[in-house]
Amino acid sequence: IGLVNQQRMQELYDQSDIYLMSPNIDNMPGSILECYACGLPFVSTGVGGVPYIVDDERTGLLVPVNDHHAMAKQALRLIEEENLATRLTDAGKLECRKYTGAAIANEWKNLYRSLVP
């Protein structure tokens, strides 16, 4: 659908049942955090920083890069396996707490303290 402004993103997430993301590289995709916050189950390639913010089978589903068959299979699992999507999105909402402003500020503070003798 092309470029979408931020105000419309919530509407699009609400209209969606599954989010599919298939980059070849991505450092830390904000869209995964948005899926966590919105309760939207997702399938993503496990590239770049994605595995650092997604626990495969707990908070989301990861597949190898360029494997469209695996992507489709995991998407079908979300539809067919009872409670899988709910289990993932519940865990994702809890995971989202790690990325609040207060949590991140605390991590930076702890890092700085560890660097000062």
PDB file of N, CA and C in Angstrom:
ATOM      1  N   ILE A   1       0.812  -1.207   0.000  1.00  0.00           N
ATOM      2  CA  ILE A   1       0.000   0.000   0.000  1.00  0.00           C
ATOM      3  C   ILE A   1       0.845   1.257   0.000  1.00  0.00           C
ATOM      4  N   GLY A   2       2.155   1.079   0.016  1.00  0.00           N
ATOM      5  CA  GLY A   2       3.053   2.222  -0.075  1.00  0.00           C
ATOM      6  C   GLY A   2       3.274   2.907   1.262  1.00  0.00           C
ATOM      7  N   LEU A   3       3.713   4.149   1.200  1.00  0.00           N
ATOM      8  CA  LEU A   3       4.018   4.934   2.381  1.00  0.00           C
ATOM      9  C   LEU A   3       2.752   5.177   3.200  1.00  0.00           C
ATOM     10  N   VAL A   4       2.846   4.940   4.499  1.00  0.00           N
ATOM     11  CA  VAL A   4       1.705   5.101   5.395  1.00  0.00           C
ATOM     12  C   VAL A   4       2.107   6.045   6.514  1.00  0.00           C
ATOM     13  N   ASN A   5       1.258   7.031   6.805  1.00  0.00           N
ATOM     14  CA  ASN A   5       1.584   7.933   7.905  1.00  0.00           C
ATOM     15  C   ASN A   5       1.315   7.248   9.244  1.00  0.00           C
ATOM     16  N   GLN A   6       1.958   7.732  10.279  1.00  0.00           N
ATOM     17  CA  GLN A   6       1.904   7.115  11.608  1.00  0.00           C
ATOM     18  C   GLN A   6       0.477   7.007  12.150  1.00  0.00           C
ATOM     19  N   GLN A   7      -0.366   7.974  11.877  1.00  0.00           N
ATOM     20  CA  GLN A   7      -1.736   7.943  12.372  1.00  0.00           C
ATOM     21  C   GLN A   7      -2.516   6.759  11.818  1.00  0.00           C
ATOM     22  N   ARG A   8      -2.174   6.309  10.634  1.00  0.00           N
ATOM     23  CA  ARG A   8      -2.908   5.213  10.000  1.00  0.00           C
ATOM     24  C   ARG A   8      -2.385   3.833  10.411  1.00  0.00           C
ATOM     25  N   MET A   9      -1.198   3.776  11.003  1.00  0.00           N
ATOM     26  CA  MET A   9      -0.587   2.499  11.346  1.00  0.00           C
ATOM     27  C   MET A   9      -1.452   1.682  12.299  1.00  0.00           C
ATOM     28  N   GLN A  10      -1.973   2.301  13.336  1.00  0.00           N
ATOM     29  CA  GLN A  10      -2.805   1.570  14.288  1.00  0.00           C
ATOM     30  C   GLN A  10      -4.006   0.929  13.592  1.00  0.00           C
ATOM     31  N   GLU A  11      -4.625   1.672  12.698  1.00  0.00           N
ATOM     32  CA  GLU A  11      -5.764   1.149  11.938  1.00  0.00           C
ATOM     33  C   GLU A  11      -5.359  -0.084  11.128  1.00  0.00           C
ATOM     34  N   LEU A  12      -4.205  -0.015  10.474  1.00  0.00           N
ATOM     35  CA  LEU A  12      -3.747  -1.142   9.663  1.00  0.00           C
ATOM     36  C   LEU A  12      -3.420  -2.360  10.521  1.00  0.00           C
ATOM     37  N   TYR A  13      -2.790  -2.134  11.653  1.00  0.00           N
ATOM     38  CA  TYR A  13      -2.513  -3.255  12.559  1.00  0.00           C
ATOM     39  C   TYR A  13      -3.821  -3.881  13.041  1.00  0.00           C
ATOM     40  N   ASP A  14      -4.790  -3.051  13.380  1.00  0.00           N
ATOM     41  CA  ASP A  14      -6.080  -3.556  13.858  1.00  0.00           C
ATOM     42  C   ASP A  14      -6.819  -4.369  12.790  1.00  0.00           C
ATOM     43  N   GLN A  15      -6.624  -4.032  11.534  1.00  0.00           N
ATOM     44  CA  GLN A  15      -7.291  -4.730  10.434  1.00  0.00           C
ATOM     45  C   GLN A  15      -6.579  -6.030  10.046  1.00  0.00           C
ATOM     46  N   SER A  16      -5.391  -6.237  10.595  1.00  0.00           N
ATOM     47  CA  SER A  16      -4.568  -7.377  10.192  1.00  0.00           C
ATOM     48  C   SER A  16      -4.709  -8.541  11.162  1.00  0.00           C
ATOM     49  N   ASP A  17      -4.530  -9.732  10.641  1.00  0.00           N
ATOM     50  CA  ASP A  17      -4.532 -10.941  11.466  1.00  0.00           C
ATOM     51  C   ASP A  17      -3.123 -11.468  11.703  1.00  0.00           C
ATOM     52  N   ILE A  18      -2.255 -11.281  10.727  1.00  0.00           N
ATOM     53  CA  ILE A  18      -0.873 -11.760  10.792  1.00  0.00           C
ATOM     54  C   ILE A  18       0.015 -10.735  10.097  1.00  0.00           C
ATOM     55  N   TYR A  19       1.196 -10.506  10.646  1.00  0.00           N
ATOM     56  CA  TYR A  19       2.179  -9.620  10.045  1.00  0.00           C
ATOM     57  C   TYR A  19       3.324 -10.477   9.512  1.00  0.00           C
ATOM     58  N   LEU A  20       3.645 -10.331   8.242  1.00  0.00           N
ATOM     59  CA  LEU A  20       4.752 -11.052   7.629  1.00  0.00           C
ATOM     60  C   LEU A  20       5.851 -10.066   7.280  1.00  0.00           C
ATOM     61  N   MET A  21       7.072 -10.382   7.711  1.00  0.00           N
ATOM     62  CA  MET A  21       8.202  -9.498   7.475  1.00  0.00           C
ATOM     63  C   MET A  21       9.356 -10.350   6.960  1.00  0.00           C
ATOM     64  N   SER A  22       9.877 -10.019   5.796  1.00  0.00           N
ATOM     65  CA  SER A  22      10.904 -10.879   5.202  1.00  0.00           C
ATOM     66  C   SER A  22      12.145 -10.120   4.726  1.00  0.00           C
ATOM     67  N   PRO A  23      12.762  -9.326   5.604  1.00  0.00           N
ATOM     68  CA  PRO A  23      13.966  -8.622   5.158  1.00  0.00           C
ATOM     69  C   PRO A  23      15.165  -9.563   5.058  1.00  0.00           C
ATOM     70  N   ASN A  24      16.137  -9.147   4.270  1.00  0.00           N
ATOM     71  CA  ASN A  24      17.417  -9.865   4.217  1.00  0.00           C
ATOM     72  C   ASN A  24      18.361  -9.360   5.293  1.00  0.00           C
ATOM     73  N   ILE A  25      18.122  -8.150   5.780  1.00  0.00           N
ATOM     74  CA  ILE A  25      18.895  -7.569   6.879  1.00  0.00           C
ATOM     75  C   ILE A  25      18.033  -6.514   7.556  1.00  0.00           C
ATOM     76  N   ASP A  26      18.107  -6.444   8.852  1.00  0.00           N
ATOM     77  CA  ASP A  26      17.396  -5.408   9.606  1.00  0.00           C
ATOM     78  C   ASP A  26      18.042  -5.331  10.983  1.00  0.00           C
ATOM     79  N   ASN A  27      18.355  -4.151  11.425  1.00  0.00           N
ATOM     80  CA  ASN A  27      19.036  -4.004  12.710  1.00  0.00           C
ATOM     81  C   ASN A  27      18.098  -4.258  13.883  1.00  0.00           C
ATOM     82  N   MET A  28      17.076  -3.433  14.019  1.00  0.00           N
ATOM     83  CA  MET A  28      16.090  -3.601  15.079  1.00  0.00           C
ATOM     84  C   MET A  28      14.782  -3.025  14.576  1.00  0.00           C
ATOM     85  N   PRO A  29      13.987  -3.848  13.922  1.00  0.00           N
ATOM     86  CA  PRO A  29      12.766  -3.330  13.303  1.00  0.00           C
ATOM     87  C   PRO A  29      11.726  -2.886  14.331  1.00  0.00           C
ATOM     88  N   GLY A  30      11.375  -1.619  14.257  1.00  0.00           N
ATOM     89  CA  GLY A  30      10.337  -1.088  15.134  1.00  0.00           C
ATOM     90  C   GLY A  30       8.995  -1.738  14.906  1.00  0.00           C
ATOM     91  N   SER A  31       8.786  -2.274  13.712  1.00  0.00           N
ATOM     92  CA  SER A  31       7.501  -2.907  13.420  1.00  0.00           C
ATOM     93  C   SER A  31       7.259  -4.125  14.311  1.00  0.00           C
ATOM     94  N   ILE A  32       8.307  -4.813  14.721  1.00  0.00           N
ATOM     95  CA  ILE A  32       8.125  -5.940  15.636  1.00  0.00           C
ATOM     96  C   ILE A  32       7.651  -5.442  16.989  1.00  0.00           C
ATOM     97  N   LEU A  33       8.239  -4.371  17.471  1.00  0.00           N
ATOM     98  CA  LEU A  33       7.783  -3.799  18.746  1.00  0.00           C
ATOM     99  C   LEU A  33       6.342  -3.317  18.630  1.00  0.00           C
ATOM    100  N   GLU A  34       5.982  -2.772  17.470  1.00  0.00           N
ATOM    101  CA  GLU A  34       4.595  -2.353  17.243  1.00  0.00           C
ATOM    102  C   GLU A  34       3.658  -3.565  17.254  1.00  0.00           C
ATOM    103  N   CYS A  35       4.088  -4.671  16.671  1.00  0.00           N
ATOM    104  CA  CYS A  35       3.277  -5.897  16.710  1.00  0.00           C
ATOM    105  C   CYS A  35       3.099  -6.362  18.153  1.00  0.00           C
ATOM    106  N   TYR A  36       4.183  -6.337  18.931  1.00  0.00           N
ATOM    107  CA  TYR A  36       4.067  -6.697  20.343  1.00  0.00           C
ATOM    108  C   TYR A  36       3.008  -5.833  21.022  1.00  0.00           C
ATOM    109  N   ALA A  37       3.122  -4.526  20.836  1.00  0.00           N
ATOM    110  CA  ALA A  37       2.221  -3.580  21.513  1.00  0.00           C
ATOM    111  C   ALA A  37       0.779  -3.743  21.054  1.00  0.00           C
ATOM    112  N   CYS A  38       0.580  -4.057  19.780  1.00  0.00           N
ATOM    113  CA  CYS A  38      -0.773  -4.176  19.216  1.00  0.00           C
ATOM    114  C   CYS A  38      -1.372  -5.572  19.372  1.00  0.00           C
ATOM    115  N   GLY A  39      -0.585  -6.532  19.819  1.00  0.00           N
ATOM    116  CA  GLY A  39      -1.079  -7.891  19.925  1.00  0.00           C
ATOM    117  C   GLY A  39      -1.277  -8.557  18.585  1.00  0.00           C
ATOM    118  N   LEU A  40      -0.371  -8.274  17.656  1.00  0.00           N
ATOM    119  CA  LEU A  40      -0.460  -8.844  16.314  1.00  0.00           C
ATOM    120  C   LEU A  40       0.614  -9.920  16.145  1.00  0.00           C
ATOM    121  N   PRO A  41       0.225 -11.178  15.904  1.00  0.00           N
ATOM    122  CA  PRO A  41       1.231 -12.230  15.713  1.00  0.00           C
ATOM    123  C   PRO A  41       1.972 -12.021  14.398  1.00  0.00           C
ATOM    124  N   PHE A  42       3.236 -12.436  14.363  1.00  0.00           N
ATOM    125  CA  PHE A  42       4.036 -12.194  13.171  1.00  0.00           C
ATOM    126  C   PHE A  42       4.970 -13.351  12.874  1.00  0.00           C
ATOM    127  N   VAL A  43       5.392 -13.375  11.613  1.00  0.00           N
ATOM    128  CA  VAL A  43       6.434 -14.269  11.126  1.00  0.00           C
ATOM    129  C   VAL A  43       7.483 -13.372  10.497  1.00  0.00           C
ATOM    130  N   SER A  44       8.746 -13.593  10.845  1.00  0.00           N
ATOM    131  CA  SER A  44       9.822 -12.770  10.311  1.00  0.00           C
ATOM    132  C   SER A  44      11.016 -13.640   9.969  1.00  0.00           C
ATOM    133  N   THR A  45      11.823 -13.157   9.038  1.00  0.00           N
ATOM    134  CA  THR A  45      13.108 -13.805   8.823  1.00  0.00           C
ATOM    135  C   THR A  45      13.987 -13.499  10.037  1.00  0.00           C
ATOM    136  N   GLY A  46      14.815 -14.442  10.390  1.00  0.00           N
ATOM    137  CA  GLY A  46      15.677 -14.277  11.559  1.00  0.00           C
ATOM    138  C   GLY A  46      17.012 -13.678  11.195  1.00  0.00           C
ATOM    139  N   VAL A  47      16.998 -12.458  10.722  1.00  0.00           N
ATOM    140  CA  VAL A  47      18.218 -11.796  10.248  1.00  0.00           C
ATOM    141  C   VAL A  47      18.581 -10.613  11.132  1.00  0.00           C
ATOM    142  N   GLY A  48      19.835 -10.165  11.012  1.00  0.00           N
ATOM    143  CA  GLY A  48      20.289  -8.964  11.699  1.00  0.00           C
ATOM    144  C   GLY A  48      19.982  -8.994  13.186  1.00  0.00           C
ATOM    145  N   GLY A  49      19.335  -7.942  13.660  1.00  0.00           N
ATOM    146  CA  GLY A  49      18.999  -7.833  15.069  1.00  0.00           C
ATOM    147  C   GLY A  49      17.699  -8.492  15.458  1.00  0.00           C
ATOM    148  N   VAL A  50      16.965  -9.022  14.491  1.00  0.00           N
ATOM    149  CA  VAL A  50      15.656  -9.614  14.776  1.00  0.00           C
ATOM    150  C   VAL A  50      15.733 -10.682  15.864  1.00  0.00           C
ATOM    151  N   PRO A  51      16.679 -11.636  15.805  1.00  0.00           N
ATOM    152  CA  PRO A  51      16.721 -12.660  16.858  1.00  0.00           C
ATOM    153  C   PRO A  51      17.031 -12.111  18.255  1.00  0.00           C
ATOM    154  N   TYR A  52      17.523 -10.887  18.336  1.00  0.00           N
ATOM    155  CA  TYR A  52      17.791 -10.283  19.639  1.00  0.00           C
ATOM    156  C   TYR A  52      16.517  -9.761  20.301  1.00  0.00           C
ATOM    157  N   ILE A  53      15.476  -9.514  19.499  1.00  0.00           N
ATOM    158  CA  ILE A  53      14.234  -9.001  20.078  1.00  0.00           C
ATOM    159  C   ILE A  53      13.069  -9.970  19.913  1.00  0.00           C
ATOM    160  N   VAL A  54      13.301 -11.094  19.223  1.00  0.00           N
ATOM    161  CA  VAL A  54      12.263 -12.111  19.035  1.00  0.00           C
ATOM    162  C   VAL A  54      12.784 -13.443  19.564  1.00  0.00           C
ATOM    163  N   ASP A  55      12.042 -14.020  20.465  1.00  0.00           N
ATOM    164  CA  ASP A  55      12.347 -15.362  20.953  1.00  0.00           C
ATOM    165  C   ASP A  55      11.465 -16.317  20.147  1.00  0.00           C
ATOM    166  N   ASP A  56      12.084 -17.028  19.192  1.00  0.00           N
ATOM    167  CA  ASP A  56      11.353 -17.892  18.276  1.00  0.00           C
ATOM    168  C   ASP A  56      10.477 -18.887  19.033  1.00  0.00           C
ATOM    169  N   GLU A  57       9.225 -18.948  18.629  1.00  0.00           N
ATOM    170  CA  GLU A  57       8.208 -19.828  19.197  1.00  0.00           C
ATOM    171  C   GLU A  57       7.652 -19.328  20.533  1.00  0.00           C
ATOM    172  N   ARG A  58       8.243 -18.255  21.101  1.00  0.00           N
ATOM    173  CA  ARG A  58       7.712 -17.688  22.344  1.00  0.00           C
ATOM    174  C   ARG A  58       7.050 -16.338  22.101  1.00  0.00           C
ATOM    175  N   THR A  59       7.736 -15.450  21.380  1.00  0.00           N
ATOM    176  CA  THR A  59       7.165 -14.117  21.121  1.00  0.00           C
ATOM    177  C   THR A  59       6.840 -13.900  19.650  1.00  0.00           C
ATOM    178  N   GLY A  60       7.338 -14.749  18.782  1.00  0.00           N
ATOM    179  CA  GLY A  60       7.079 -14.659  17.350  1.00  0.00           C
ATOM    180  C   GLY A  60       7.615 -15.897  16.675  1.00  0.00           C
ATOM    181  N   LEU A  61       7.459 -15.949  15.382  1.00  0.00           N
ATOM    182  CA  LEU A  61       7.943 -17.090  14.607  1.00  0.00           C
ATOM    183  C   LEU A  61       9.002 -16.609  13.627  1.00  0.00           C
ATOM    184  N   LEU A  62      10.152 -17.271  13.632  1.00  0.00           N
ATOM    185  CA  LEU A  62      11.261 -16.896  12.757  1.00  0.00           C
ATOM    186  C   LEU A  62      11.497 -17.968  11.708  1.00  0.00           C
ATOM    187  N   VAL A  63      11.885 -17.505  10.523  1.00  0.00           N
ATOM    188  CA  VAL A  63      12.187 -18.411   9.413  1.00  0.00           C
ATOM    189  C   VAL A  63      13.505 -17.984   8.779  1.00  0.00           C
ATOM    190  N   PRO A  64      14.152 -18.896   8.033  1.00  0.00           N
ATOM    191  CA  PRO A  64      15.382 -18.533   7.328  1.00  0.00           C
ATOM    192  C   PRO A  64      15.109 -17.501   6.221  1.00  0.00           C
ATOM    193  N   VAL A  65      16.113 -16.718   5.932  1.00  0.00           N
ATOM    194  CA  VAL A  65      16.012 -15.719   4.881  1.00  0.00           C
ATOM    195  C   VAL A  65      15.793 -16.417   3.533  1.00  0.00           C
ATOM    196  N   ASN A  66      14.997 -15.796   2.681  1.00  0.00           N
ATOM    197  CA  ASN A  66      14.697 -16.279   1.330  1.00  0.00           C
ATOM    198  C   ASN A  66      13.994 -17.642   1.297  1.00  0.00           C
ATOM    199  N   ASP A  67      13.306 -17.995   2.356  1.00  0.00           N
ATOM    200  CA  ASP A  67      12.592 -19.269   2.390  1.00  0.00           C
ATOM    201  C   ASP A  67      11.085 -18.995   2.458  1.00  0.00           C
ATOM    202  N   HIS A  68      10.497 -18.729   1.293  1.00  0.00           N
ATOM    203  CA  HIS A  68       9.078 -18.372   1.261  1.00  0.00           C
ATOM    204  C   HIS A  68       8.183 -19.546   1.653  1.00  0.00           C
ATOM    205  N   HIS A  69       8.652 -20.766   1.469  1.00  0.00           N
ATOM    206  CA  HIS A  69       7.869 -21.932   1.894  1.00  0.00           C
ATOM    207  C   HIS A  69       7.759 -21.972   3.423  1.00  0.00           C
ATOM    208  N   ALA A  70       8.876 -21.718   4.102  1.00  0.00           N
ATOM    209  CA  ALA A  70       8.859 -21.693   5.567  1.00  0.00           C
ATOM    210  C   ALA A  70       7.975 -20.552   6.071  1.00  0.00           C
ATOM    211  N   MET A  71       8.037 -19.403   5.393  1.00  0.00           N
ATOM    212  CA  MET A  71       7.202 -18.255   5.781  1.00  0.00           C
ATOM    213  C   MET A  71       5.730 -18.640   5.679  1.00  0.00           C
ATOM    214  N   ALA A  72       5.336 -19.253   4.576  1.00  0.00           N
ATOM    215  CA  ALA A  72       3.938 -19.658   4.388  1.00  0.00           C
ATOM    216  C   ALA A  72       3.532 -20.711   5.416  1.00  0.00           C
ATOM    217  N   LYS A  73       4.405 -21.660   5.674  1.00  0.00           N
ATOM    218  CA  LYS A  73       4.102 -22.723   6.641  1.00  0.00           C
ATOM    219  C   LYS A  73       3.862 -22.138   8.034  1.00  0.00           C
ATOM    220  N   GLN A  74       4.693 -21.199   8.438  1.00  0.00           N
ATOM    221  CA  GLN A  74       4.525 -20.587   9.766  1.00  0.00           C
ATOM    222  C   GLN A  74       3.263 -19.725   9.816  1.00  0.00           C
ATOM    223  N   ALA A  75       2.950 -19.028   8.739  1.00  0.00           N
ATOM    224  CA  ALA A  75       1.710 -18.236   8.697  1.00  0.00           C
ATOM    225  C   ALA A  75       0.499 -19.153   8.834  1.00  0.00           C
ATOM    226  N   LEU A  76       0.524 -20.293   8.158  1.00  0.00           N
ATOM    227  CA  LEU A  76      -0.576 -21.250   8.268  1.00  0.00           C
ATOM    228  C   LEU A  76      -0.689 -21.818   9.677  1.00  0.00           C
ATOM    229  N   ARG A  77       0.440 -22.001  10.337  1.00  0.00           N
ATOM    230  CA  ARG A  77       0.398 -22.457  11.735  1.00  0.00           C
ATOM    231  C   ARG A  77      -0.385 -21.481  12.604  1.00  0.00           C
ATOM    232  N   LEU A  78      -0.178 -20.185  12.369  1.00  0.00           N
ATOM    233  CA  LEU A  78      -0.890 -19.174  13.163  1.00  0.00           C
ATOM    234  C   LEU A  78      -2.396 -19.276  12.971  1.00  0.00           C
ATOM    235  N   ILE A  79      -2.804 -19.686  11.799  1.00  0.00           N
ATOM    236  CA  ILE A  79      -4.232 -19.828  11.509  1.00  0.00           C
ATOM    237  C   ILE A  79      -4.771 -21.151  12.038  1.00  0.00           C
ATOM    238  N   GLU A  80      -4.008 -22.199  11.884  1.00  0.00           N
ATOM    239  CA  GLU A  80      -4.511 -23.544  12.149  1.00  0.00           C
ATOM    240  C   GLU A  80      -4.304 -24.042  13.578  1.00  0.00           C
ATOM    241  N   GLU A  81      -3.203 -23.651  14.226  1.00  0.00           N
ATOM    242  CA  GLU A  81      -2.914 -24.165  15.565  1.00  0.00           C
ATOM    243  C   GLU A  81      -3.648 -23.356  16.626  1.00  0.00           C
ATOM    244  N   GLU A  82      -4.527 -24.029  17.312  1.00  0.00           N
ATOM    245  CA  GLU A  82      -5.323 -23.382  18.346  1.00  0.00           C
ATOM    246  C   GLU A  82      -4.412 -22.781  19.417  1.00  0.00           C
ATOM    247  N   ASN A  83      -4.666 -21.563  19.773  1.00  0.00           N
ATOM    248  CA  ASN A  83      -3.978 -20.832  20.836  1.00  0.00           C
ATOM    249  C   ASN A  83      -2.547 -20.397  20.518  1.00  0.00           C
ATOM    250  N   LEU A  84      -1.988 -20.770  19.377  1.00  0.00           N
ATOM    251  CA  LEU A  84      -0.618 -20.356  19.071  1.00  0.00           C
ATOM    252  C   LEU A  84      -0.522 -18.834  18.973  1.00  0.00           C
ATOM    253  N   ALA A  85      -1.389 -18.220  18.205  1.00  0.00           N
ATOM    254  CA  ALA A  85      -1.337 -16.764  18.045  1.00  0.00           C
ATOM    255  C   ALA A  85      -1.534 -16.066  19.384  1.00  0.00           C
ATOM    256  N   THR A  86      -2.469 -16.546  20.183  1.00  0.00           N
ATOM    257  CA  THR A  86      -2.729 -15.931  21.495  1.00  0.00           C
ATOM    258  C   THR A  86      -1.527 -16.072  22.408  1.00  0.00           C
ATOM    259  N   ARG A  87      -0.923 -17.239  22.409  1.00  0.00           N
ATOM    260  CA  ARG A  87       0.259 -17.465  23.254  1.00  0.00           C
ATOM    261  C   ARG A  87       1.399 -16.528  22.854  1.00  0.00           C
ATOM    262  N   LEU A  88       1.633 -16.391  21.551  1.00  0.00           N
ATOM    263  CA  LEU A  88       2.700 -15.513  21.065  1.00  0.00           C
ATOM    264  C   LEU A  88       2.420 -14.047  21.379  1.00  0.00           C
ATOM    265  N   THR A  89       1.182 -13.615  21.153  1.00  0.00           N
ATOM    266  CA  THR A  89       0.881 -12.195  21.379  1.00  0.00           C
ATOM    267  C   THR A  89       0.860 -11.860  22.870  1.00  0.00           C
ATOM    268  N   ASP A  90       0.425 -12.785  23.706  1.00  0.00           N
ATOM    269  CA  ASP A  90       0.495 -12.541  25.155  1.00  0.00           C
ATOM    270  C   ASP A  90       1.940 -12.361  25.601  1.00  0.00           C
ATOM    271  N   ALA A  91       2.825 -13.234  25.115  1.00  0.00           N
ATOM    272  CA  ALA A  91       4.246 -13.121  25.446  1.00  0.00           C
ATOM    273  C   ALA A  91       4.842 -11.847  24.855  1.00  0.00           C
ATOM    274  N   GLY A  92       4.399 -11.472  23.660  1.00  0.00           N
ATOM    275  CA  GLY A  92       4.899 -10.250  23.028  1.00  0.00           C
ATOM    276  C   GLY A  92       4.526  -8.998  23.807  1.00  0.00           C
ATOM    277  N   LYS A  93       3.319  -8.974  24.334  1.00  0.00           N
ATOM    278  CA  LYS A  93       2.906  -7.814  25.146  1.00  0.00           C
ATOM    279  C   LYS A  93       3.774  -7.687  26.384  1.00  0.00           C
ATOM    280  N   LEU A  94       4.120  -8.804  27.005  1.00  0.00           N
ATOM    281  CA  LEU A  94       5.023  -8.768  28.162  1.00  0.00           C
ATOM    282  C   LEU A  94       6.432  -8.347  27.735  1.00  0.00           C
ATOM    283  N   GLU A  95       6.863  -8.829  26.589  1.00  0.00           N
ATOM    284  CA  GLU A  95       8.188  -8.481  26.057  1.00  0.00           C
ATOM    285  C   GLU A  95       8.306  -6.982  25.810  1.00  0.00           C
ATOM    286  N   CYS A  96       7.214  -6.381  25.452  1.00  0.00           N
ATOM    287  CA  CYS A  96       7.177  -4.950  25.146  1.00  0.00           C
ATOM    288  C   CYS A  96       7.643  -4.094  26.330  1.00  0.00           C
ATOM    289  N   ARG A  97       7.481  -4.623  27.519  1.00  0.00           N
ATOM    290  CA  ARG A  97       7.896  -3.877  28.719  1.00  0.00           C
ATOM    291  C   ARG A  97       9.390  -3.582  28.744  1.00  0.00           C
ATOM    292  N   LYS A  98      10.180  -4.422  28.080  1.00  0.00           N
ATOM    293  CA  LYS A  98      11.627  -4.210  28.017  1.00  0.00           C
ATOM    294  C   LYS A  98      11.999  -2.951  27.254  1.00  0.00           C
ATOM    295  N   TYR A  99      11.066  -2.438  26.460  1.00  0.00           N
ATOM    296  CA  TYR A  99      11.375  -1.341  25.547  1.00  0.00           C
ATOM    297  C   TYR A  99      10.684  -0.032  25.913  1.00  0.00           C
ATOM    298  N   THR A 100      10.172   0.063  27.127  1.00  0.00           N
ATOM    299  CA  THR A 100       9.593   1.323  27.577  1.00  0.00           C
ATOM    300  C   THR A 100      10.713   2.322  27.822  1.00  0.00           C
ATOM    301  N   GLY A 101      10.375   3.587  27.845  1.00  0.00           N
ATOM    302  CA  GLY A 101      11.385   4.612  28.091  1.00  0.00           C
ATOM    303  C   GLY A 101      12.112   4.392  29.401  1.00  0.00           C
ATOM    304  N   ALA A 102      11.359   4.068  30.460  1.00  0.00           N
ATOM    305  CA  ALA A 102      11.964   3.862  31.773  1.00  0.00           C
ATOM    306  C   ALA A 102      12.909   2.658  31.767  1.00  0.00           C
ATOM    307  N   ALA A 103      12.504   1.573  31.114  1.00  0.00           N
ATOM    308  CA  ALA A 103      13.348   0.374  31.075  1.00  0.00           C
ATOM    309  C   ALA A 103      14.640   0.638  30.312  1.00  0.00           C
ATOM    310  N   ILE A 104      14.536   1.316  29.189  1.00  0.00           N
ATOM    311  CA  ILE A 104      15.728   1.616  28.386  1.00  0.00           C
ATOM    312  C   ILE A 104      16.639   2.581  29.135  1.00  0.00           C
ATOM    313  N   ALA A 105      16.059   3.599  29.774  1.00  0.00           N
ATOM    314  CA  ALA A 105      16.863   4.547  30.546  1.00  0.00           C
ATOM    315  C   ALA A 105      17.620   3.817  31.651  1.00  0.00           C
ATOM    316  N   ASN A 106      16.971   2.868  32.291  1.00  0.00           N
ATOM    317  CA  ASN A 106      17.618   2.099  33.352  1.00  0.00           C
ATOM    318  C   ASN A 106      18.771   1.265  32.799  1.00  0.00           C
ATOM    319  N   GLU A 107      18.594   0.680  31.624  1.00  0.00           N
ATOM    320  CA  GLU A 107      19.666  -0.091  30.992  1.00  0.00           C
ATOM    321  C   GLU A 107      20.878   0.799  30.688  1.00  0.00           C
ATOM    322  N   TRP A 108      20.618   1.989  30.145  1.00  0.00           N
ATOM    323  CA  TRP A 108      21.713   2.919  29.860  1.00  0.00           C
ATOM    324  C   TRP A 108      22.415   3.337  31.148  1.00  0.00           C
ATOM    325  N   LYS A 109      21.636   3.626  32.182  1.00  0.00           N
ATOM    326  CA  LYS A 109      22.208   4.020  33.466  1.00  0.00           C
ATOM    327  C   LYS A 109      23.109   2.912  34.015  1.00  0.00           C
ATOM    328  N   ASN A 110      22.633   1.677  33.951  1.00  0.00           N
ATOM    329  CA  ASN A 110      23.435   0.553  34.445  1.00  0.00           C
ATOM    330  C   ASN A 110      24.707   0.371  33.620  1.00  0.00           C
ATOM    331  N   LEU A 111      24.611   0.575  32.312  1.00  0.00           N
ATOM    332  CA  LEU A 111      25.785   0.473  31.457  1.00  0.00           C
ATOM    333  C   LEU A 111      26.808   1.537  31.848  1.00  0.00           C
ATOM    334  N   TYR A 112      26.354   2.783  31.972  1.00  0.00           N
ATOM    335  CA  TYR A 112      27.271   3.859  32.347  1.00  0.00           C
ATOM    336  C   TYR A 112      27.918   3.603  33.689  1.00  0.00           C
ATOM    337  N   ARG A 113      27.144   3.129  34.647  1.00  0.00           N
ATOM    338  CA  ARG A 113      27.708   2.834  35.981  1.00  0.00           C
ATOM    339  C   ARG A 113      28.747   1.726  35.897  1.00  0.00           C
ATOM    340  N   SER A 114      28.535   0.760  35.032  1.00  0.00           N
ATOM    341  CA  SER A 114      29.494  -0.334  34.916  1.00  0.00           C
ATOM    342  C   SER A 114      30.808   0.122  34.274  1.00  0.00           C
ATOM    343  N   LEU A 115      30.761   1.219  33.529  1.00  0.00           N
ATOM    344  CA  LEU A 115      31.948   1.723  32.853  1.00  0.00           C
ATOM    345  C   LEU A 115      32.765   2.676  33.717  1.00  0.00           C
ATOM    346  N   VAL A 116      32.166   3.211  34.763  1.00  0.00           N
ATOM    347  CA  VAL A 116      32.857   4.167  35.631  1.00  0.00           C
ATOM    348  C   VAL A 116      33.497   3.398  36.786  1.00  0.00           C
ATOM    349  N   PRO A 117      34.815   3.575  36.987  1.00  0.00           N
ATOM    350  CA  PRO A 117      35.492   2.839  38.080  1.00  0.00           C
ATOM    351  C   PRO A 117      35.050   3.291  39.460  1.00  0.00           C
TER     352      PRO A 117
END
